[in-house]
Amino acid sequence: MSETQASRESSDDVEVRDVVDPATVRRAPRYKAFFLTGALVGIILGLALSFYLVSTPSGTALMKPGVYVTVLTAFVTTVTTLLAGLFAVIADRRSLRGR
């Protein structure tokens, strides 16, 4: 390897501390964590709510309670996941206020 190629490669190597200013690092939320948390909360809340509703006196007359449990759990999970995404977007917008 010639000296010009070696000097060119060494000039491309830059320290991260020289490029990144810690005062300008943006603290954006991790959307995946928000969505997973919303989904888990939705599943737990949906199952608890649907099993409670199925076990009430009016719920015992249902012909197929499994269908109601499934649909209600899916609906509650969808709503809580969307709410978690909304909270993530709000947190992301709040992280940009100081700029």
Protein backbone atom coordinates (compact mmCIF):
# COMPACT_ATOMS: atom_id res chain seq x y z
CA MET A 1 0.00 0.00 0.00
CA SER A 2 1.38 3.41 -0.88
CA GLU A 3 1.78 6.24 1.60
CA THR A 4 -1.01 8.31 0.04
CA GLN A 5 -3.53 5.49 0.43
CA ALA A 6 -2.47 4.90 4.02
CA SER A 7 -2.70 8.61 4.87
CA ARG A 8 -6.10 8.85 3.15
CA GLU A 9 -7.45 5.88 5.16
CA SER A 10 -6.10 7.30 8.40
CA SER A 11 -7.66 10.70 7.66
CA ASP A 12 -11.08 9.02 7.20
CA ASP A 13 -10.90 7.59 10.72
CA VAL A 14 -12.55 10.11 13.02
CA GLU A 15 -13.09 9.89 16.73
CA VAL A 16 -16.73 9.93 17.77
CA ARG A 17 -16.00 12.53 20.44
CA ASP A 18 -14.77 14.90 17.73
CA VAL A 19 -17.99 14.57 15.70
CA VAL A 20 -20.77 14.19 18.28
CA ASP A 21 -21.57 17.01 20.64
CA PRO A 22 -23.13 15.56 23.81
CA ALA A 23 -25.18 18.71 24.27
CA THR A 24 -27.06 18.03 21.02
CA VAL A 25 -27.86 14.34 21.50
CA ARG A 26 -31.58 13.86 21.05
CA ARG A 27 -33.29 11.56 23.49
CA ALA A 28 -36.01 10.03 21.33
CA PRO A 29 -38.26 7.33 22.77
CA ARG A 30 -37.99 3.75 21.62
CA TYR A 31 -41.22 3.08 19.79
CA LYS A 32 -40.86 -0.68 19.95
CA ALA A 33 -40.82 -0.60 23.75
CA PHE A 34 -43.92 1.60 23.84
CA PHE A 35 -45.84 -0.65 21.45
CA LEU A 36 -44.84 -3.86 23.22
CA THR A 37 -45.80 -2.43 26.59
CA GLY A 38 -49.15 -1.27 25.22
CA ALA A 39 -49.81 -4.69 23.70
CA LEU A 40 -48.94 -6.55 26.90
CA VAL A 41 -51.08 -4.23 29.02
CA GLY A 42 -53.90 -4.64 26.50
CA ILE A 43 -53.74 -8.43 26.55
CA ILE A 44 -53.77 -8.57 30.34
CA LEU A 45 -56.50 -5.95 30.68
CA GLY A 46 -58.57 -7.46 27.87
CA LEU A 47 -58.42 -10.97 29.29
CA ALA A 48 -59.28 -9.77 32.79
CA LEU A 49 -62.19 -7.67 31.55
CA SER A 50 -63.58 -10.32 29.22
CA PHE A 51 -63.38 -13.14 31.78
CA TYR A 52 -65.08 -10.89 34.30
CA LEU A 53 -67.87 -10.07 31.86
CA VAL A 54 -68.32 -13.71 30.87
CA SER A 55 -68.59 -14.80 34.51
CA THR A 56 -71.36 -12.30 35.36
CA PRO A 57 -74.95 -13.60 35.49
CA SER A 58 -75.79 -12.02 32.15
CA GLY A 59 -72.61 -13.43 30.62
CA THR A 60 -73.41 -17.01 31.51
CA ALA A 61 -76.20 -16.99 28.92
CA LEU A 62 -73.70 -16.52 26.08
CA MET A 63 -73.66 -19.40 23.61
CA LYS A 64 -69.95 -19.13 22.75
CA PRO A 65 -68.10 -17.18 25.45
CA GLY A 66 -64.72 -17.88 23.82
CA VAL A 67 -65.67 -15.70 20.86
CA TYR A 68 -66.53 -12.80 23.14
CA VAL A 69 -63.29 -13.25 25.10
CA THR A 70 -61.26 -13.25 21.89
CA VAL A 71 -62.97 -10.25 20.31
CA LEU A 72 -62.91 -8.14 23.46
CA THR A 73 -59.26 -8.98 24.14
CA ALA A 74 -58.30 -8.13 20.56
CA PHE A 75 -60.20 -4.83 20.73
CA VAL A 76 -58.70 -3.79 24.07
CA THR A 77 -55.21 -4.78 22.89
CA THR A 78 -55.59 -2.70 19.74
CA VAL A 79 -56.77 0.34 21.69
CA THR A 80 -54.00 0.15 24.29
CA THR A 81 -51.33 -0.37 21.61
CA LEU A 82 -52.57 2.71 19.74
CA LEU A 83 -52.61 4.71 22.98
CA ALA A 84 -49.05 3.61 23.71
CA GLY A 85 -48.04 4.78 20.23
CA LEU A 86 -49.72 8.11 20.89
CA PHE A 87 -47.76 8.46 24.14
CA ALA A 88 -44.56 7.67 22.23
CA VAL A 89 -45.30 10.39 19.67
CA ILE A 90 -46.07 12.88 22.45
CA ALA A 91 -42.81 11.97 24.20
CA ASP A 92 -40.97 12.40 20.91
CA ARG A 93 -42.48 15.85 20.36
CA ARG A 94 -41.59 16.86 23.91
CA SER A 95 -37.97 15.86 23.29
CA LEU A 96 -37.83 18.36 20.42
CA ARG A 97 -39.17 21.36 22.41
CA GLY A 98 -35.80 22.57 23.62
CA ARG A 99 -34.36 22.80 20.11
